[in-house]
C-alpha cells in the first residue's frame, strides 16, 4: 500500500501512541519519521536511528505488523542504514 508524506486512515493500525523526545534539532538528519505540533512548537520523533557503543540502533514507536517489520529489518540490514547521531544509555538505579 503506498504511503505519502502524511498518514491517512489506511495507517490507523500503525500510528504511534508515543513520541521519542529529546532529539536535538541538529540531529534531525537521523529522524526517519517525526511529528510537529505547530500550535505547541513541539517536535517529536517517531523513528530515529543512532550509533550506540559499537553498534547501531533504530528506535521507533510505530505499532507494526509483518510488512512494516520486514521493511524495518530490510532497512537496518542494508547499506543506507548509516546513522550519524551518537546515542548513549544510562542505567537507572533501582
Protein backbone atom coordinates (compact mmCIF):
# COMPACT_ATOMS: atom_id res chain seq x y z
CA UNK A 1 0.00 0.00 0.00
CA UNK A 2 1.51 3.35 -0.97
CA UNK A 3 2.08 5.94 1.73
CA UNK A 4 2.59 9.61 1.16
CA UNK A 5 4.20 12.12 3.49
CA UNK A 6 1.01 12.29 5.60
CA UNK A 7 -0.53 9.32 7.37
CA UNK A 8 -4.15 8.68 6.46
CA UNK A 9 -6.90 6.30 7.53
CA UNK A 10 -5.03 3.38 5.91
CA UNK A 11 -2.30 3.84 8.54
CA UNK A 12 -4.57 3.76 11.59
CA UNK A 13 -3.29 0.38 12.81
CA UNK A 14 0.37 1.52 12.93
CA UNK A 15 0.02 5.12 14.15
CA UNK A 16 2.25 5.60 17.22
CA UNK A 17 0.79 6.35 20.61
CA UNK A 18 4.10 7.67 21.95
CA UNK A 19 6.82 10.13 20.90
CA UNK A 20 10.59 9.99 21.21
CA UNK A 21 11.61 13.32 22.73
CA UNK A 22 14.99 14.91 23.32
CA UNK A 23 16.48 14.71 19.82
CA UNK A 24 18.32 17.98 19.20
CA UNK A 25 17.49 19.96 16.07
CA UNK A 26 21.00 19.45 14.63
CA UNK A 27 20.47 15.65 14.84
CA UNK A 28 17.21 15.57 12.90
CA UNK A 29 19.00 14.05 9.88
CA UNK A 30 18.71 10.77 11.78
CA UNK A 31 14.98 11.17 12.48
CA UNK A 32 13.35 8.93 9.86
CA UNK A 33 9.81 9.89 10.87
CA UNK A 34 8.58 12.66 13.09
CA UNK A 35 5.74 14.93 14.01
CA UNK A 36 5.46 18.66 14.62
CA UNK A 37 2.75 20.26 16.70
CA UNK A 38 2.89 23.83 15.43
CA UNK A 39 0.49 25.27 17.95
CA UNK A 40 2.68 23.85 20.77
CA UNK A 41 6.01 24.47 19.00
CA UNK A 42 6.97 20.88 19.81
CA UNK A 43 8.82 18.32 17.69
CA UNK A 44 8.84 14.60 18.34
CA UNK A 45 10.46 11.65 16.62
CA UNK A 46 8.50 8.55 15.68
CA UNK A 47 11.55 6.70 14.32
CA UNK A 48 15.20 7.63 14.91
CA UNK A 49 18.48 5.91 14.09
CA UNK A 50 21.70 6.28 16.07
CA UNK A 51 25.05 4.76 16.88
CA UNK A 52 25.31 3.26 20.35
CA UNK A 53 28.61 1.87 21.54
CA UNK A 54 29.96 -0.35 18.77
CA UNK A 55 26.54 -0.90 17.21
CA UNK A 56 23.65 0.83 15.51
CA UNK A 57 20.08 1.24 16.74
CA UNK A 58 16.76 2.09 15.15
CA UNK A 59 14.17 3.11 17.74
CA UNK A 60 10.54 3.56 16.79
CA UNK A 61 7.17 3.98 18.46
CA UNK A 62 5.23 2.72 15.41
CA UNK A 63 2.98 -0.24 16.08
CA UNK A 64 3.66 -2.67 13.28
CA UNK A 65 2.73 -5.93 11.69
CA UNK A 66 4.68 -8.17 9.37
CA UNK A 67 5.09 -5.84 6.37
CA UNK A 68 6.37 -2.84 8.34
CA UNK A 69 8.59 -5.07 10.49
CA UNK A 70 10.09 -6.68 7.36
CA UNK A 71 10.73 -3.22 5.90
CA UNK A 72 12.50 -2.06 9.08
CA UNK A 73 14.66 -5.19 9.19
CA UNK A 74 15.50 -4.75 5.49
CA UNK A 75 16.45 -1.12 6.03
CA UNK A 76 18.67 -1.83 9.04
CA UNK A 77 20.40 -4.68 7.18
CA UNK A 78 21.10 -2.51 4.14
CA UNK A 79 23.78 -0.01 3.20
CA UNK A 80 21.53 3.05 3.71
CA UNK A 81 21.39 2.48 7.48
CA UNK A 82 24.18 4.92 8.37
CA UNK A 83 23.25 6.93 11.47
CA UNK A 84 25.35 9.94 12.45
CA UNK A 85 23.73 10.61 15.83
CA UNK A 86 25.70 9.22 18.79
CA UNK A 87 23.39 7.88 21.48
CA UNK A 88 24.11 6.70 24.99
CA UNK A 89 22.17 4.71 27.53
CA UNK A 90 22.28 5.28 31.24
CA UNK A 91 21.37 2.51 33.64
CA UNK A 92 18.76 3.51 36.19
CA UNK A 93 19.40 2.68 39.79
CA UNK A 94 16.62 0.65 41.34
